[in-house]
């Protein structure tokens, strides 16, 4: 497994509006998608920042602060390597198209992280 970068950052916050305003207005990142409990901002290089309100039930496991997504070539292979190294994963590998996928895991520090492949970056 080779880590190619940090492609994604997600944060679950009670300060949803202020945090979304910070990424959108203060940092000037364009909003790619917005819902009442969820917002996606895109960086110029294709990386994403996602903000979740506590009522977003799909991300209840984001309890330790911002979650960084490490870019890998193959999520399934990287997950197998990490599992062989004793890393515990949260749920299955998730896919959002043919090649793009992600999987969350708990690091040795107890924080949640992710491995990801995102073909929409190119």
N, C-alpha and C. Protein backbone atom coordinates (compact mmCIF):
# COMPACT_ATOMS: atom_id res chain seq x y z
N UNK A 1 0.85 -1.18 0.00
CA UNK A 1 0.00 0.00 0.00
C UNK A 1 0.89 1.24 0.00
N UNK A 2 0.53 2.19 -0.84
CA UNK A 2 1.23 3.47 -0.88
C UNK A 2 0.21 4.58 -0.66
N UNK A 3 0.44 5.39 0.38
CA UNK A 3 -0.43 6.54 0.63
C UNK A 3 -0.03 7.63 -0.35
N UNK A 4 -1.00 8.12 -1.14
CA UNK A 4 -0.74 9.11 -2.18
C UNK A 4 -1.06 10.53 -1.74
N UNK A 5 -1.69 10.69 -0.61
CA UNK A 5 -2.05 12.01 -0.12
C UNK A 5 -3.25 11.94 0.80
N UNK A 6 -3.67 13.09 1.27
CA UNK A 6 -4.92 13.19 2.03
C UNK A 6 -5.93 13.80 1.07
N UNK A 7 -6.92 13.01 0.67
CA UNK A 7 -7.87 13.42 -0.36
C UNK A 7 -9.18 13.93 0.21
N UNK A 8 -9.41 13.68 1.50
CA UNK A 8 -10.72 13.95 2.07
C UNK A 8 -10.59 14.28 3.54
N UNK A 9 -11.42 15.20 4.00
CA UNK A 9 -11.50 15.53 5.42
C UNK A 9 -12.97 15.70 5.75
N UNK A 10 -13.41 15.07 6.81
CA UNK A 10 -14.79 15.21 7.26
C UNK A 10 -14.85 15.59 8.71
N UNK A 11 -15.83 16.41 9.07
CA UNK A 11 -15.99 16.79 10.47
C UNK A 11 -17.47 16.83 10.82
N UNK A 12 -17.81 16.31 11.97
CA UNK A 12 -19.17 16.31 12.51
C UNK A 12 -19.17 17.35 13.62
N UNK A 13 -20.07 18.33 13.54
CA UNK A 13 -19.99 19.45 14.46
C UNK A 13 -21.36 20.01 14.83
N UNK A 14 -21.47 20.47 16.07
CA UNK A 14 -22.69 21.16 16.51
C UNK A 14 -22.71 22.58 15.94
N UNK A 15 -21.58 23.05 15.44
CA UNK A 15 -21.47 24.38 14.84
C UNK A 15 -21.50 24.27 13.31
N UNK A 16 -22.51 23.58 12.80
CA UNK A 16 -22.61 23.27 11.37
C UNK A 16 -22.61 24.53 10.51
N UNK A 17 -23.47 25.50 10.84
CA UNK A 17 -23.57 26.71 10.01
C UNK A 17 -22.25 27.49 10.01
N UNK A 18 -21.68 27.70 11.20
CA UNK A 18 -20.43 28.45 11.30
C UNK A 18 -19.28 27.73 10.60
N UNK A 19 -19.24 26.41 10.72
CA UNK A 19 -18.16 25.64 10.09
C UNK A 19 -18.33 25.66 8.57
N UNK A 20 -19.56 25.51 8.09
CA UNK A 20 -19.82 25.57 6.65
C UNK A 20 -19.47 26.97 6.11
N UNK A 21 -19.83 27.99 6.85
CA UNK A 21 -19.49 29.36 6.45
C UNK A 21 -17.97 29.55 6.40
N UNK A 22 -17.26 28.99 7.38
CA UNK A 22 -15.80 29.07 7.41
C UNK A 22 -15.19 28.47 6.14
N UNK A 23 -15.60 27.24 5.79
CA UNK A 23 -15.04 26.60 4.60
C UNK A 23 -15.47 27.31 3.32
N UNK A 24 -16.74 27.73 3.27
CA UNK A 24 -17.26 28.35 2.05
C UNK A 24 -16.87 29.81 1.87
N UNK A 25 -17.17 30.63 2.86
CA UNK A 25 -16.93 32.08 2.73
C UNK A 25 -15.50 32.47 3.14
N UNK A 26 -15.07 32.03 4.31
CA UNK A 26 -13.76 32.45 4.82
C UNK A 26 -12.62 31.87 3.98
N UNK A 27 -12.66 30.55 3.75
CA UNK A 27 -11.60 29.91 2.96
C UNK A 27 -11.86 29.99 1.46
N UNK A 28 -13.09 30.32 1.07
CA UNK A 28 -13.42 30.48 -0.35
C UNK A 28 -13.55 29.19 -1.13
N UNK A 29 -13.88 28.09 -0.44
CA UNK A 29 -14.05 26.82 -1.14
C UNK A 29 -15.47 26.73 -1.71
N UNK A 30 -15.61 26.37 -2.98
CA UNK A 30 -16.95 26.27 -3.55
C UNK A 30 -17.73 25.10 -2.95
N UNK A 31 -19.00 25.35 -2.64
CA UNK A 31 -19.88 24.28 -2.16
C UNK A 31 -20.30 23.44 -3.35
N UNK A 32 -20.00 22.17 -3.29
CA UNK A 32 -20.35 21.24 -4.36
C UNK A 32 -21.72 20.62 -4.13
N UNK A 33 -22.09 20.47 -2.86
CA UNK A 33 -23.35 19.83 -2.51
C UNK A 33 -23.76 20.33 -1.14
N UNK A 34 -25.05 20.64 -0.97
CA UNK A 34 -25.53 21.10 0.33
C UNK A 34 -26.89 20.47 0.64
N UNK A 35 -27.01 19.97 1.86
CA UNK A 35 -28.26 19.44 2.41
C UNK A 35 -28.42 20.04 3.80
N UNK A 36 -29.57 19.87 4.43
CA UNK A 36 -29.73 20.45 5.77
C UNK A 36 -28.71 19.95 6.80
N UNK A 37 -28.26 18.69 6.68
CA UNK A 37 -27.34 18.10 7.66
C UNK A 37 -25.95 17.81 7.11
N UNK A 38 -25.65 18.26 5.88
CA UNK A 38 -24.44 17.80 5.20
C UNK A 38 -24.04 18.80 4.13
N UNK A 39 -22.75 19.12 4.05
CA UNK A 39 -22.25 20.01 3.00
C UNK A 39 -20.90 19.49 2.51
N UNK A 40 -20.65 19.63 1.21
CA UNK A 40 -19.40 19.21 0.59
C UNK A 40 -18.76 20.42 -0.06
N UNK A 41 -17.49 20.66 0.25
CA UNK A 41 -16.71 21.73 -0.36
C UNK A 41 -15.55 21.10 -1.11
N UNK A 42 -15.21 21.66 -2.28
CA UNK A 42 -14.17 21.09 -3.14
C UNK A 42 -12.97 22.02 -3.18
N UNK A 43 -11.79 21.48 -2.94
CA UNK A 43 -10.55 22.23 -3.05
C UNK A 43 -10.11 22.27 -4.51
N UNK A 44 -9.26 23.21 -4.89
CA UNK A 44 -8.84 23.33 -6.29
C UNK A 44 -8.19 22.07 -6.86
N UNK A 45 -7.53 21.27 -6.02
CA UNK A 45 -6.88 20.06 -6.52
C UNK A 45 -7.81 18.86 -6.56
N UNK A 46 -9.09 19.05 -6.21
CA UNK A 46 -10.07 17.97 -6.26
C UNK A 46 -10.38 17.35 -4.91
N UNK A 47 -9.59 17.65 -3.89
CA UNK A 47 -9.86 17.11 -2.56
C UNK A 47 -11.19 17.66 -2.04
N UNK A 48 -11.79 16.93 -1.08
CA UNK A 48 -13.08 17.33 -0.52
C UNK A 48 -12.98 17.57 0.97
N UNK A 49 -13.80 18.52 1.44
CA UNK A 49 -14.05 18.72 2.86
C UNK A 49 -15.56 18.57 3.04
N UNK A 50 -15.97 17.68 3.95
CA UNK A 50 -17.39 17.46 4.20
C UNK A 50 -17.70 17.81 5.65
N UNK A 51 -18.83 18.49 5.84
CA UNK A 51 -19.27 18.93 7.17
C UNK A 51 -20.60 18.25 7.45
N UNK A 52 -20.71 17.65 8.65
CA UNK A 52 -21.90 16.92 9.04
C UNK A 52 -22.47 17.51 10.33
N UNK A 53 -23.77 17.69 10.35
CA UNK A 53 -24.48 18.10 11.57
C UNK A 53 -24.64 16.84 12.44
N UNK A 54 -24.71 16.95 13.76
CA UNK A 54 -24.90 15.77 14.60
C UNK A 54 -26.12 14.93 14.23
N UNK A 55 -27.14 15.53 13.64
CA UNK A 55 -28.34 14.79 13.24
C UNK A 55 -28.12 13.92 12.00
N UNK A 56 -26.95 14.04 11.34
CA UNK A 56 -26.62 13.18 10.21
C UNK A 56 -26.26 11.80 10.76
N UNK A 57 -27.19 10.86 10.66
CA UNK A 57 -27.04 9.55 11.29
C UNK A 57 -26.03 8.65 10.58
N UNK A 58 -25.69 8.94 9.35
CA UNK A 58 -24.74 8.10 8.61
C UNK A 58 -23.31 8.26 9.12
N UNK A 59 -23.05 9.28 9.93
CA UNK A 59 -21.68 9.55 10.40
C UNK A 59 -21.59 9.63 11.91
N UNK A 60 -22.39 8.83 12.60
CA UNK A 60 -22.39 8.84 14.07
C UNK A 60 -21.05 8.39 14.64
N UNK A 61 -20.26 7.65 13.87
CA UNK A 61 -18.96 7.16 14.35
C UNK A 61 -17.88 8.24 14.30
N UNK A 62 -18.18 9.41 13.76
CA UNK A 62 -17.22 10.53 13.75
C UNK A 62 -17.34 11.25 15.10
N UNK A 63 -16.70 10.71 16.11
CA UNK A 63 -16.83 11.25 17.46
C UNK A 63 -15.51 11.80 17.99
N UNK A 64 -14.43 11.67 17.24
CA UNK A 64 -13.11 12.02 17.78
C UNK A 64 -12.54 13.29 17.17
N UNK A 65 -13.31 13.99 16.36
CA UNK A 65 -12.80 15.20 15.70
C UNK A 65 -12.78 15.00 14.20
N UNK A 66 -12.11 15.86 13.47
CA UNK A 66 -12.05 15.69 12.02
C UNK A 66 -11.47 14.33 11.64
N UNK A 67 -12.01 13.77 10.57
CA UNK A 67 -11.57 12.47 10.05
C UNK A 67 -10.84 12.72 8.74
N UNK A 68 -9.59 12.28 8.66
CA UNK A 68 -8.80 12.43 7.43
C UNK A 68 -8.90 11.17 6.60
N UNK A 69 -9.03 11.35 5.29
CA UNK A 69 -9.08 10.23 4.35
C UNK A 69 -7.79 10.14 3.57
N UNK A 70 -7.07 9.04 3.74
CA UNK A 70 -5.80 8.84 3.05
C UNK A 70 -6.04 8.20 1.68
N UNK A 71 -5.54 8.86 0.64
CA UNK A 71 -5.73 8.41 -0.73
C UNK A 71 -4.85 7.20 -1.01
N UNK A 72 -5.47 6.13 -1.52
CA UNK A 72 -4.76 4.91 -1.90
C UNK A 72 -5.23 4.48 -3.29
N UNK A 73 -4.47 3.64 -3.93
CA UNK A 73 -4.82 3.13 -5.26
C UNK A 73 -5.98 2.14 -5.19
N UNK A 74 -5.96 1.26 -4.18
CA UNK A 74 -6.96 0.20 -4.07
C UNK A 74 -7.39 0.07 -2.61
N UNK A 75 -8.61 0.46 -2.31
CA UNK A 75 -9.12 0.46 -0.93
C UNK A 75 -9.18 -0.96 -0.37
N UNK A 76 -9.63 -1.90 -1.16
CA UNK A 76 -9.77 -3.28 -0.68
C UNK A 76 -8.40 -3.86 -0.30
N UNK A 77 -7.41 -3.65 -1.14
CA UNK A 77 -6.04 -4.12 -0.86
C UNK A 77 -5.47 -3.43 0.37
N UNK A 78 -5.62 -2.11 0.44
CA UNK A 78 -5.09 -1.35 1.57
C UNK A 78 -5.76 -1.80 2.87
N UNK A 79 -7.06 -2.04 2.82
CA UNK A 79 -7.77 -2.50 4.01
C UNK A 79 -7.22 -3.84 4.46
N UNK A 80 -7.01 -4.76 3.53
CA UNK A 80 -6.47 -6.08 3.89
C UNK A 80 -5.10 -5.94 4.56
N UNK A 81 -4.25 -5.08 4.04
CA UNK A 81 -2.93 -4.85 4.64
C UNK A 81 -3.06 -4.30 6.05
N UNK A 82 -3.94 -3.32 6.23
CA UNK A 82 -4.13 -2.72 7.54
C UNK A 82 -4.73 -3.72 8.53
N UNK A 83 -5.68 -4.52 8.07
CA UNK A 83 -6.27 -5.54 8.95
C UNK A 83 -5.20 -6.55 9.37
N UNK A 84 -4.32 -6.92 8.45
CA UNK A 84 -3.22 -7.84 8.78
C UNK A 84 -2.27 -7.22 9.80
N UNK A 85 -2.22 -5.89 9.85
CA UNK A 85 -1.38 -5.19 10.82
C UNK A 85 -2.12 -4.94 12.14
N UNK A 86 -3.36 -5.46 12.26
CA UNK A 86 -4.10 -5.35 13.51
C UNK A 86 -5.02 -4.15 13.62
N UNK A 87 -5.26 -3.43 12.51
CA UNK A 87 -6.14 -2.26 12.53
C UNK A 87 -7.60 -2.72 12.41
N UNK A 88 -8.49 -2.13 13.23
CA UNK A 88 -9.91 -2.46 13.22
C UNK A 88 -10.67 -1.49 12.33
N UNK A 89 -11.57 -2.03 11.52
CA UNK A 89 -12.38 -1.21 10.61
C UNK A 89 -13.81 -1.09 11.11
N UNK A 90 -14.46 0.00 10.71
CA UNK A 90 -15.84 0.29 11.05
C UNK A 90 -16.67 0.02 9.81
N UNK A 91 -17.39 -1.08 9.79
CA UNK A 91 -18.25 -1.40 8.65
C UNK A 91 -17.47 -1.88 7.43
N UNK A 92 -18.20 -2.05 6.32
CA UNK A 92 -17.60 -2.59 5.10
C UNK A 92 -16.90 -1.51 4.27
N UNK A 93 -16.32 -1.95 3.16
CA UNK A 93 -15.84 -1.02 2.15
C UNK A 93 -17.08 -0.46 1.45
N UNK A 94 -17.17 0.86 1.34
CA UNK A 94 -18.30 1.52 0.69
C UNK A 94 -17.87 1.97 -0.70
N UNK A 95 -18.77 1.88 -1.67
CA UNK A 95 -18.48 2.32 -3.04
C UNK A 95 -19.49 3.38 -3.45
N UNK A 96 -19.03 4.36 -4.25
CA UNK A 96 -19.97 5.32 -4.82
C UNK A 96 -19.88 5.38 -6.33
N UNK A 97 -19.02 4.60 -6.93
CA UNK A 97 -19.05 4.32 -8.37
C UNK A 97 -18.15 3.11 -8.61
N UNK A 98 -17.88 2.80 -9.85
CA UNK A 98 -17.14 1.58 -10.19
C UNK A 98 -15.78 1.47 -9.50
N UNK A 99 -15.02 2.56 -9.46
CA UNK A 99 -13.66 2.51 -8.92
C UNK A 99 -13.48 3.24 -7.60
N UNK A 100 -14.37 4.16 -7.26
CA UNK A 100 -14.20 4.98 -6.06
C UNK A 100 -14.81 4.30 -4.84
N UNK A 101 -14.06 4.32 -3.73
CA UNK A 101 -14.52 3.64 -2.53
C UNK A 101 -13.85 4.26 -1.31
N UNK A 102 -14.36 3.91 -0.13
CA UNK A 102 -13.75 4.34 1.12
C UNK A 102 -14.06 3.32 2.19
N UNK A 103 -13.25 3.35 3.26
CA UNK A 103 -13.47 2.48 4.40
C UNK A 103 -12.87 3.16 5.64
N UNK A 104 -13.66 3.24 6.71
CA UNK A 104 -13.23 3.90 7.95
C UNK A 104 -12.58 2.90 8.88
N UNK A 105 -11.57 3.37 9.62
CA UNK A 105 -10.89 2.52 10.59
C UNK A 105 -10.53 3.33 11.83
N UNK A 106 -10.21 2.60 12.90
CA UNK A 106 -9.80 3.23 14.15
C UNK A 106 -8.29 3.09 14.26
N UNK A 107 -7.61 4.23 14.38
CA UNK A 107 -6.17 4.24 14.51
C UNK A 107 -5.74 3.85 15.92
N UNK A 108 -4.44 3.63 16.11
CA UNK A 108 -3.94 3.26 17.43
C UNK A 108 -4.20 4.32 18.50
N UNK A 109 -4.46 5.57 18.06
CA UNK A 109 -4.75 6.66 18.99
C UNK A 109 -6.23 6.73 19.37
N UNK A 110 -7.04 5.82 18.79
CA UNK A 110 -8.48 5.82 19.06
C UNK A 110 -9.28 6.72 18.15
N UNK A 111 -8.61 7.48 17.28
CA UNK A 111 -9.30 8.36 16.34
C UNK A 111 -9.76 7.59 15.11
N UNK A 112 -10.80 8.11 14.47
CA UNK A 112 -11.32 7.51 13.25
C UNK A 112 -10.59 8.13 12.05
N UNK A 113 -10.18 7.28 11.11
CA UNK A 113 -9.53 7.68 9.87
C UNK A 113 -10.21 6.93 8.73
N UNK A 114 -9.77 7.21 7.50
CA UNK A 114 -10.34 6.52 6.36
C UNK A 114 -9.25 6.30 5.32
N UNK A 115 -9.40 5.22 4.55
CA UNK A 115 -8.65 5.05 3.31
C UNK A 115 -9.65 5.27 2.20
N UNK A 116 -9.22 5.90 1.12
CA UNK A 116 -10.16 6.29 0.08
C UNK A 116 -9.52 6.26 -1.29
N UNK A 117 -10.33 6.00 -2.29
CA UNK A 117 -9.96 6.20 -3.68
C UNK A 117 -11.10 7.00 -4.29
N UNK A 118 -10.77 8.11 -4.93
CA UNK A 118 -11.78 9.00 -5.45
C UNK A 118 -11.44 9.37 -6.89
N UNK A 119 -12.05 8.69 -7.85
CA UNK A 119 -11.77 8.94 -9.25
C UNK A 119 -12.34 10.27 -9.75
N UNK A 120 -13.20 10.92 -8.96
CA UNK A 120 -13.75 12.21 -9.37
C UNK A 120 -12.72 13.32 -9.21
N UNK A 121 -11.61 13.04 -8.57
CA UNK A 121 -10.54 14.04 -8.36
C UNK A 121 -9.83 14.38 -9.64
N UNK A 122 -9.89 13.53 -10.64
CA UNK A 122 -9.13 13.76 -11.87
C UNK A 122 -9.98 14.37 -12.95
